[in-house]
Amino acid sequence: MPKLSKTIGAAKIQKKPTITFEYIKSQFFRVVHADGAIGSITPNGNLHIAFYSERQAIPQLMVHSRTDAGTLGPPIHEQTVRRKGIIREMDVDVVLGPVALDALMKWLVERKAEMVAQAERVAKLQSKNLKKQKKSHARLH
């Protein structure tokens, strides 16, 4: 690839070629909350990861009594039918090849470091604000 250069005064600046990526949301794009993931290696050597959110089971069937006025009364708990245990509802399954997995792992480690740094900054600010509040409160009393 040819090098691009531009002369400004006596200095010569090398301008590197760039590649632009445009992000377009598909018609199926959505935000998904994840409490965890489960997956395995596919027969083709890719990794598939199903992300899930956890919740209590929603009743599959509820029976309510009827009041003398004919309106809905309280539920009859003995007749409620629900799944046992905690539900892990899987919303999306992502399949990654080795190269994409390496890039994702690197990106996740970088984001985790940013989260830790941000949490530390917030904790310092909260501590600083708490000390100010205590000093202000002590002056008033």
N, C-alpha and C. Protein backbone atom coordinates (compact mmCIF):
# COMPACT_ATOMS: atom_id res chain seq x y z
N MET A 1 0.84 -1.17 0.00
CA MET A 1 0.00 0.00 0.00
C MET A 1 0.89 1.24 0.00
N PRO A 2 0.59 2.24 -0.82
CA PRO A 2 1.42 3.43 -0.85
C PRO A 2 1.24 4.25 0.43
N LYS A 3 2.32 4.86 0.86
CA LYS A 3 2.25 5.73 2.03
C LYS A 3 1.77 7.11 1.60
N LEU A 4 0.89 7.65 2.38
CA LEU A 4 0.40 9.00 2.11
C LEU A 4 1.18 9.96 2.98
N SER A 5 1.63 11.03 2.41
CA SER A 5 2.36 12.00 3.23
C SER A 5 1.91 13.40 2.87
N LYS A 6 2.08 14.27 3.83
CA LYS A 6 1.69 15.66 3.66
C LYS A 6 2.79 16.50 4.31
N THR A 7 3.25 17.49 3.61
CA THR A 7 4.30 18.33 4.15
C THR A 7 3.67 19.58 4.76
N ILE A 8 3.98 19.79 6.03
CA ILE A 8 3.52 21.00 6.73
C ILE A 8 4.78 21.70 7.21
N GLY A 9 5.06 22.86 6.63
CA GLY A 9 6.29 23.57 6.98
C GLY A 9 7.47 22.68 6.65
N ALA A 10 8.36 22.48 7.62
CA ALA A 10 9.53 21.65 7.40
C ALA A 10 9.26 20.20 7.79
N ALA A 11 8.13 19.96 8.50
CA ALA A 11 7.83 18.60 8.97
C ALA A 11 7.05 17.83 7.92
N LYS A 12 7.36 16.55 7.80
CA LYS A 12 6.65 15.68 6.88
C LYS A 12 5.83 14.69 7.71
N ILE A 13 4.49 14.68 7.54
CA ILE A 13 3.60 13.83 8.34
C ILE A 13 3.18 12.63 7.50
N GLN A 14 3.37 11.44 8.04
CA GLN A 14 2.92 10.22 7.39
C GLN A 14 1.47 9.97 7.82
N LYS A 15 0.55 9.89 6.87
CA LYS A 15 -0.85 9.62 7.18
C LYS A 15 -1.13 8.17 6.81
N LYS A 16 -1.56 7.38 7.80
CA LYS A 16 -1.84 5.97 7.58
C LYS A 16 -3.24 5.82 6.99
N PRO A 17 -3.40 4.86 6.10
CA PRO A 17 -4.75 4.61 5.58
C PRO A 17 -5.64 4.08 6.70
N THR A 18 -6.91 4.36 6.61
CA THR A 18 -7.86 3.92 7.64
C THR A 18 -8.97 3.09 7.02
N ILE A 19 -9.64 2.36 7.88
CA ILE A 19 -10.82 1.58 7.49
C ILE A 19 -11.95 2.03 8.40
N THR A 20 -13.08 2.36 7.82
CA THR A 20 -14.24 2.81 8.60
C THR A 20 -15.26 1.68 8.69
N PHE A 21 -15.78 1.45 9.91
CA PHE A 21 -16.85 0.47 10.13
C PHE A 21 -18.11 1.23 10.49
N GLU A 22 -19.20 0.90 9.84
CA GLU A 22 -20.50 1.50 10.17
C GLU A 22 -21.34 0.42 10.85
N TYR A 23 -21.95 0.77 11.97
CA TYR A 23 -22.77 -0.17 12.73
C TYR A 23 -24.23 0.08 12.41
N ILE A 24 -24.90 -0.95 11.91
CA ILE A 24 -26.31 -0.86 11.56
C ILE A 24 -27.04 -1.96 12.33
N LYS A 25 -28.11 -1.60 13.02
CA LYS A 25 -28.89 -2.57 13.79
C LYS A 25 -29.81 -3.34 12.84
N SER A 26 -29.76 -4.67 12.92
CA SER A 26 -30.65 -5.49 12.10
C SER A 26 -32.07 -5.40 12.66
N GLN A 27 -33.01 -5.91 11.91
CA GLN A 27 -34.40 -5.87 12.37
C GLN A 27 -34.61 -6.74 13.61
N PHE A 28 -33.67 -7.64 13.90
CA PHE A 28 -33.79 -8.51 15.06
C PHE A 28 -32.97 -8.03 16.26
N PHE A 29 -32.34 -6.86 16.14
CA PHE A 29 -31.52 -6.33 17.24
C PHE A 29 -32.40 -6.06 18.45
N ARG A 30 -31.87 -6.42 19.62
CA ARG A 30 -32.55 -6.13 20.88
C ARG A 30 -31.55 -6.19 22.00
N VAL A 31 -31.89 -5.62 23.12
CA VAL A 31 -31.05 -5.68 24.31
C VAL A 31 -31.49 -6.90 25.11
N VAL A 32 -30.52 -7.69 25.54
CA VAL A 32 -30.81 -8.90 26.30
C VAL A 32 -30.03 -8.84 27.60
N HIS A 33 -30.71 -9.01 28.73
CA HIS A 33 -30.04 -9.10 30.03
C HIS A 33 -29.53 -10.52 30.20
N ALA A 34 -28.34 -10.69 30.74
CA ALA A 34 -27.80 -12.03 30.98
C ALA A 34 -27.29 -12.14 32.41
N ASP A 35 -27.75 -13.21 33.09
CA ASP A 35 -27.22 -13.55 34.41
C ASP A 35 -26.11 -14.58 34.30
N GLY A 36 -26.02 -15.20 33.14
CA GLY A 36 -25.00 -16.22 32.94
C GLY A 36 -25.08 -16.79 31.53
N ALA A 37 -24.29 -17.83 31.31
CA ALA A 37 -24.25 -18.45 29.98
C ALA A 37 -23.93 -19.93 30.13
N ILE A 38 -24.33 -20.67 29.14
CA ILE A 38 -24.02 -22.10 29.06
C ILE A 38 -23.75 -22.40 27.59
N GLY A 39 -22.89 -23.34 27.32
CA GLY A 39 -22.60 -23.64 25.92
C GLY A 39 -21.62 -24.79 25.79
N SER A 40 -21.15 -24.98 24.56
CA SER A 40 -20.21 -26.07 24.29
C SER A 40 -19.55 -25.83 22.93
N ILE A 41 -18.67 -26.71 22.58
CA ILE A 41 -17.99 -26.66 21.29
C ILE A 41 -18.89 -27.37 20.27
N THR A 42 -19.06 -26.75 19.12
CA THR A 42 -19.88 -27.36 18.06
C THR A 42 -19.05 -28.41 17.32
N PRO A 43 -19.71 -29.28 16.55
CA PRO A 43 -18.96 -30.27 15.75
C PRO A 43 -17.97 -29.63 14.78
N ASN A 44 -18.22 -28.38 14.38
CA ASN A 44 -17.31 -27.69 13.45
C ASN A 44 -16.18 -26.96 14.17
N GLY A 45 -16.10 -27.09 15.50
CA GLY A 45 -15.01 -26.47 16.25
C GLY A 45 -15.27 -25.04 16.68
N ASN A 46 -16.50 -24.58 16.57
CA ASN A 46 -16.86 -23.24 17.05
C ASN A 46 -17.39 -23.34 18.47
N LEU A 47 -17.50 -22.23 19.12
CA LEU A 47 -18.08 -22.19 20.47
C LEU A 47 -19.47 -21.61 20.37
N HIS A 48 -20.44 -22.28 20.96
CA HIS A 48 -21.78 -21.68 21.03
C HIS A 48 -22.06 -21.37 22.49
N ILE A 49 -22.59 -20.19 22.72
CA ILE A 49 -22.88 -19.70 24.07
C ILE A 49 -24.34 -19.27 24.09
N ALA A 50 -25.12 -19.89 24.95
CA ALA A 50 -26.51 -19.48 25.16
C ALA A 50 -26.55 -18.63 26.42
N PHE A 51 -26.96 -17.38 26.28
CA PHE A 51 -27.06 -16.48 27.43
C PHE A 51 -28.44 -16.61 28.06
N TYR A 52 -28.48 -16.63 29.39
CA TYR A 52 -29.77 -16.79 30.07
C TYR A 52 -29.94 -15.74 31.17
N SER A 53 -31.20 -15.50 31.51
CA SER A 53 -31.54 -14.69 32.68
C SER A 53 -32.28 -15.60 33.65
N GLU A 54 -32.06 -15.37 34.92
CA GLU A 54 -32.67 -16.20 35.95
C GLU A 54 -33.84 -15.47 36.59
N ARG A 55 -34.86 -16.27 36.94
CA ARG A 55 -36.04 -15.71 37.60
C ARG A 55 -36.80 -16.82 38.29
N GLN A 56 -37.69 -16.44 39.18
CA GLN A 56 -38.61 -17.40 39.79
C GLN A 56 -39.61 -17.82 38.73
N ALA A 57 -40.15 -19.01 38.89
CA ALA A 57 -41.13 -19.51 37.94
C ALA A 57 -42.42 -18.69 38.02
N ILE A 58 -42.98 -18.40 36.86
CA ILE A 58 -44.29 -17.76 36.77
C ILE A 58 -45.33 -18.88 36.80
N PRO A 59 -46.40 -18.71 37.53
CA PRO A 59 -47.41 -19.79 37.56
C PRO A 59 -47.90 -20.14 36.17
N GLN A 60 -48.05 -21.44 35.92
CA GLN A 60 -48.60 -21.92 34.65
C GLN A 60 -50.12 -21.90 34.71
N LEU A 61 -50.67 -22.03 35.92
CA LEU A 61 -52.11 -22.06 36.09
C LEU A 61 -52.44 -21.54 37.48
N MET A 62 -53.40 -20.65 37.55
CA MET A 62 -53.88 -20.14 38.84
C MET A 62 -55.40 -20.23 38.86
N VAL A 63 -55.93 -20.69 39.97
CA VAL A 63 -57.38 -20.76 40.16
C VAL A 63 -57.74 -19.76 41.24
N HIS A 64 -58.74 -18.92 40.95
CA HIS A 64 -59.21 -17.93 41.92
C HIS A 64 -60.61 -18.29 42.38
N SER A 65 -60.92 -17.91 43.57
CA SER A 65 -62.29 -18.04 44.05
C SER A 65 -63.12 -16.91 43.45
N ARG A 66 -64.42 -17.04 43.57
CA ARG A 66 -65.32 -16.00 43.08
C ARG A 66 -66.08 -15.48 44.28
N THR A 67 -66.18 -14.16 44.38
CA THR A 67 -66.89 -13.54 45.50
C THR A 67 -68.39 -13.71 45.32
N ASP A 68 -69.14 -13.42 46.38
CA ASP A 68 -70.61 -13.48 46.33
C ASP A 68 -71.16 -12.51 45.30
N ALA A 69 -70.41 -11.42 45.05
CA ALA A 69 -70.84 -10.43 44.06
C ALA A 69 -70.49 -10.87 42.63
N GLY A 70 -69.80 -12.01 42.50
CA GLY A 70 -69.45 -12.52 41.18
C GLY A 70 -68.15 -11.98 40.64
N THR A 71 -67.37 -11.27 41.47
CA THR A 71 -66.09 -10.73 41.02
C THR A 71 -64.96 -11.68 41.40
N LEU A 72 -63.79 -11.38 40.88
CA LEU A 72 -62.62 -12.21 41.12
C LEU A 72 -62.19 -12.13 42.58
N GLY A 73 -62.04 -13.28 43.20
CA GLY A 73 -61.58 -13.35 44.59
C GLY A 73 -60.12 -13.72 44.64
N PRO A 74 -59.63 -14.02 45.82
CA PRO A 74 -58.20 -14.35 45.97
C PRO A 74 -57.86 -15.69 45.33
N PRO A 75 -56.57 -15.88 45.01
CA PRO A 75 -56.18 -17.17 44.42
C PRO A 75 -56.27 -18.30 45.45
N ILE A 76 -56.52 -19.49 44.94
CA ILE A 76 -56.51 -20.69 45.78
C ILE A 76 -55.13 -21.32 45.59
N HIS A 77 -54.23 -21.06 46.53
CA HIS A 77 -52.82 -21.42 46.38
C HIS A 77 -52.60 -22.91 46.18
N GLU A 78 -53.44 -23.74 46.80
CA GLU A 78 -53.28 -25.19 46.67
C GLU A 78 -53.49 -25.66 45.23
N GLN A 79 -54.18 -24.88 44.42
CA GLN A 79 -54.47 -25.28 43.04
C GLN A 79 -53.56 -24.60 42.02
N THR A 80 -52.62 -23.78 42.50
CA THR A 80 -51.67 -23.12 41.59
C THR A 80 -50.67 -24.14 41.07
N VAL A 81 -50.44 -24.12 39.77
CA VAL A 81 -49.48 -25.03 39.14
C VAL A 81 -48.30 -24.19 38.64
N ARG A 82 -47.11 -24.56 39.06
CA ARG A 82 -45.90 -23.85 38.62
C ARG A 82 -44.74 -24.81 38.53
N ARG A 83 -43.75 -24.42 37.76
CA ARG A 83 -42.53 -25.22 37.66
C ARG A 83 -41.80 -25.17 39.00
N LYS A 84 -41.00 -26.20 39.24
CA LYS A 84 -40.18 -26.23 40.45
C LYS A 84 -38.82 -25.64 40.13
N GLY A 85 -38.20 -25.04 41.09
CA GLY A 85 -36.85 -24.52 40.90
C GLY A 85 -36.84 -23.12 40.29
N ILE A 86 -35.65 -22.71 39.94
CA ILE A 86 -35.42 -21.40 39.35
C ILE A 86 -35.36 -21.56 37.84
N ILE A 87 -35.96 -20.64 37.13
CA ILE A 87 -35.99 -20.68 35.67
C ILE A 87 -34.75 -19.99 35.13
N ARG A 88 -34.10 -20.62 34.17
CA ARG A 88 -33.03 -19.98 33.39
C ARG A 88 -33.56 -19.86 31.97
N GLU A 89 -34.02 -18.67 31.66
CA GLU A 89 -34.62 -18.42 30.36
C GLU A 89 -33.55 -17.98 29.37
N MET A 90 -33.36 -18.76 28.33
CA MET A 90 -32.34 -18.46 27.33
C MET A 90 -32.94 -17.59 26.24
N ASP A 91 -32.30 -16.44 26.01
CA ASP A 91 -32.81 -15.48 25.04
C ASP A 91 -32.07 -15.52 23.71
N VAL A 92 -30.79 -15.85 23.75
CA VAL A 92 -29.99 -15.78 22.53
C VAL A 92 -28.83 -16.78 22.62
N ASP A 93 -28.47 -17.35 21.47
CA ASP A 93 -27.33 -18.25 21.39
C ASP A 93 -26.36 -17.63 20.39
N VAL A 94 -25.12 -17.46 20.78
CA VAL A 94 -24.11 -16.84 19.93
C VAL A 94 -23.07 -17.89 19.57
N VAL A 95 -22.73 -17.98 18.28
CA VAL A 95 -21.73 -18.94 17.81
C VAL A 95 -20.50 -18.15 17.38
N LEU A 96 -19.34 -18.51 17.93
CA LEU A 96 -18.09 -17.81 17.65
C LEU A 96 -17.02 -18.79 17.17
N GLY A 97 -16.29 -18.39 16.15
CA GLY A 97 -15.11 -19.13 15.72
C GLY A 97 -13.94 -18.75 16.61
N PRO A 98 -12.82 -19.46 16.50
CA PRO A 98 -11.65 -19.20 17.35
C PRO A 98 -11.15 -17.76 17.28
N VAL A 99 -11.08 -17.17 16.10
CA VAL A 99 -10.57 -15.80 15.96
C VAL A 99 -11.51 -14.81 16.64
N ALA A 100 -12.82 -14.96 16.39
CA ALA A 100 -13.81 -14.07 17.02
C ALA A 100 -13.82 -14.27 18.53
N LEU A 101 -13.65 -15.51 19.00
CA LEU A 101 -13.61 -15.77 20.43
C LEU A 101 -12.42 -15.08 21.08
N ASP A 102 -11.25 -15.16 20.45
CA ASP A 102 -10.07 -14.47 20.98
C ASP A 102 -10.31 -12.97 21.07
N ALA A 103 -10.89 -12.38 20.02
CA ALA A 103 -11.17 -10.95 20.03
C ALA A 103 -12.17 -10.60 21.12
N LEU A 104 -13.20 -11.42 21.29
CA LEU A 104 -14.20 -11.17 22.34
C LEU A 104 -13.58 -11.27 23.72
N MET A 105 -12.74 -12.28 23.93
CA MET A 105 -12.09 -12.44 25.24
C MET A 105 -11.22 -11.23 25.57
N LYS A 106 -10.47 -10.75 24.60
CA LYS A 106 -9.63 -9.57 24.80
C LYS A 106 -10.50 -8.36 25.12
N TRP A 107 -11.58 -8.18 24.37
CA TRP A 107 -12.50 -7.05 24.58
C TRP A 107 -13.13 -7.12 25.96
N LEU A 108 -13.54 -8.32 26.39
CA LEU A 108 -14.15 -8.47 27.71
C LEU A 108 -13.17 -8.14 28.84
N VAL A 109 -11.92 -8.58 28.70
CA VAL A 109 -10.91 -8.27 29.72
C VAL A 109 -10.70 -6.76 29.80
N GLU A 110 -10.66 -6.09 28.65
CA GLU A 110 -10.50 -4.63 28.63
C GLU A 110 -11.69 -3.93 29.30
N ARG A 111 -12.92 -4.38 28.99
CA ARG A 111 -14.11 -3.77 29.59
C ARG A 111 -14.15 -4.02 31.09
N LYS A 112 -13.72 -5.20 31.53
CA LYS A 112 -13.68 -5.52 32.96
C LYS A 112 -12.72 -4.58 33.67
N ALA A 113 -11.57 -4.31 33.08
CA ALA A 113 -10.60 -3.38 33.68
C ALA A 113 -11.21 -1.98 33.78
N GLU A 114 -11.96 -1.57 32.75
CA GLU A 114 -12.63 -0.26 32.79
C GLU A 114 -13.67 -0.22 33.90
N MET A 115 -14.42 -1.32 34.07
CA MET A 115 -15.44 -1.38 35.12
C MET A 115 -14.81 -1.25 36.50
N VAL A 116 -13.70 -1.96 36.71
CA VAL A 116 -13.01 -1.91 38.00
C VAL A 116 -12.51 -0.49 38.26
N ALA A 117 -11.90 0.14 37.26
CA ALA A 117 -11.39 1.50 37.42
C ALA A 117 -12.53 2.47 37.72
N GLN A 118 -13.65 2.31 37.03
CA GLN A 118 -14.80 3.19 37.27
C GLN A 118 -15.35 2.99 38.68
N ALA A 119 -15.45 1.74 39.11
CA ALA A 119 -15.94 1.45 40.46
C ALA A 119 -15.03 2.08 41.51
N GLU A 120 -13.72 2.04 41.27
CA GLU A 120 -12.77 2.65 42.21
C GLU A 120 -12.95 4.16 42.26
N ARG A 121 -13.14 4.80 41.07
CA ARG A 121 -13.36 6.25 41.04
C ARG A 121 -14.64 6.62 41.78
N VAL A 122 -15.69 5.85 41.58
CA VAL A 122 -16.97 6.13 42.25
C VAL A 122 -16.82 5.97 43.75
N ALA A 123 -16.13 4.91 44.18
CA ALA A 123 -15.93 4.67 45.62
C ALA A 123 -15.15 5.82 46.25
N LYS A 124 -14.13 6.33 45.56
CA LYS A 124 -13.35 7.46 46.08
C LYS A 124 -14.22 8.70 46.20
N LEU A 125 -15.03 8.97 45.17
CA LEU A 125 -15.91 10.13 45.21
C LEU A 125 -16.94 10.01 46.33
N GLN A 126 -17.50 8.83 46.50
CA GLN A 126 -18.47 8.63 47.57
C GLN A 126 -17.82 8.81 48.94
N SER A 127 -16.62 8.29 49.08
CA SER A 127 -15.89 8.44 50.35
C SER A 127 -15.60 9.91 50.63
N LYS A 128 -15.17 10.61 49.59
CA LYS A 128 -14.87 12.05 49.72
C LYS A 128 -16.13 12.82 50.09
N ASN A 129 -17.25 12.53 49.44
CA ASN A 129 -18.51 13.21 49.74
C ASN A 129 -18.99 12.89 51.15
N LEU A 130 -18.81 11.65 51.58
CA LEU A 130 -19.21 11.26 52.93
C LEU A 130 -18.39 12.03 53.97
N LYS A 131 -17.09 12.18 53.73
CA LYS A 131 -16.24 12.93 54.66
C LYS A 131 -16.68 14.39 54.74
N LYS A 132 -17.03 14.98 53.57
CA LYS A 132 -17.52 16.36 53.55
C LYS A 132 -18.80 16.49 54.33
N GLN A 133 -19.71 15.53 54.16
CA GLN A 133 -20.98 15.56 54.88
C GLN A 133 -20.76 15.46 56.38
N LYS A 134 -19.84 14.59 56.79
CA LYS A 134 -19.55 14.43 58.22
C LYS A 134 -18.98 15.71 58.81
N LYS A 135 -18.04 16.36 58.05
CA LYS A 135 -17.46 17.62 58.52
C LYS A 135 -18.53 18.69 58.63
N SER A 136 -19.40 18.78 57.62
CA SER A 136 -20.47 19.76 57.62
C SER A 136 -21.43 19.51 58.76
N HIS A 137 -21.76 18.24 59.00
CA HIS A 137 -22.67 17.87 60.08
C HIS A 137 -22.04 18.20 61.44
N ALA A 138 -20.72 17.94 61.58
CA ALA A 138 -20.03 18.21 62.85
C ALA A 138 -20.01 19.70 63.15
N ARG A 139 -19.87 20.55 62.09
CA ARG A 139 -19.87 22.00 62.30
C ARG A 139 -21.22 22.52 62.78
N LEU A 140 -22.27 21.83 62.35
CA LEU A 140 -23.62 22.27 62.73
C LEU A 140 -23.96 21.91 64.16
N HIS A 141 -23.27 20.92 64.72
CA HIS A 141 -23.60 20.46 66.08
C HIS A 141 -22.56 20.79 67.05
